[in-house]
């Protein structure tokens, strides 16, 4: 087994158009669960298909370990890459049983029948489908069909498994359940998973590392905690979950700390910053859970509750402060009435600032 390294990879679908992927360099270590995350049309599926060998890059190289598998002039065929692929639409054969779907790849490899049956049994046990061998796909739920697709990919014992939004066709509760199963499956197999999604919660729940892609370019590559709490730029901050994006000013810099004014209303000090000086205009990203609501007069400033939504595990408030509306999330037991004046506090260690 080995990791995957993309170096300077670019791909365009026509000469006049914007590149689908532009100068992408990314190193995926062996045995990691890595998610390619971004909005529709950002280039994440193109990246996955380049890794799979379904197309050749216009520039750059892709290696698995020390082995060159893709360049402009050299492309190793998909069946010779030691990879499995799970598609968004399951792609199971409706006229074949579960067993026939899963054993297909082993037949192509001319594996002896007894050995093939053993491997299919192991794969179905891994995905929780033991006893379903003789069922047809129309006798299965969507989640079970997705497990068949997973079993078909892992039965050939790939070194790397590629997954293109495999949970997007499932309902919300089943999707959440399958997330946990996928993560456990990856840990049991110990192989590299490269996963494509536009769902931030999915990426945070599954990944060892997340590659955020926007407009064909890699914006940030890091752990889920780093990408969420320490976004590399405004684009990442805006895409990774709910966020308040505000304008502000650096009032002064004292060593590695900076005093900032947020939206002309809140003042606080933030930790080590680079590229800012006193008087700099900045963009500020603050997550809704970074705020604390208090009785009036006990926070950094006062605001007015403009709206309140109860969401079960959290309460979400819209707080008007001067001409700004702040999105604030609190414990559901924290209750304030619409129109009430409240104090606003925040954790300065969770603030991200970007030079404008």
Foldseek 3Di string as FASTA:
>chain_A
DFKKWWAQFWACPDDPDQILAGGDTDIGGWLFAEEEAEDPSLNQVVVLCCLLQVDATCATFMDGHPRTAHGNVHHNHNVPQLEFEAEQVLPFDQVAFLQCRQLVVVVVVVDDPVVSVVLLQVLCVLLVNPPRRGHGPVVDDLLVSSSSSVSSRPSVPGQEYEYENNLPVDDPVSSVVVLVSVQVSSVVSSHYYYYYDHDLVSCLSRGQWYFYTGNNYTQDIHGNCCLAQPPPDPVSPVSRDDKDKWKWFFQADDVQKTWIDTNVQAIDIAGGDPDHGHGFIKIKIDHQAQKDKAAPPPARHKWFFQDWDDDPQWIWTFTDDPNDTGIHIDGNVDDDDHGHMIHMYGDRHRMYMGGD
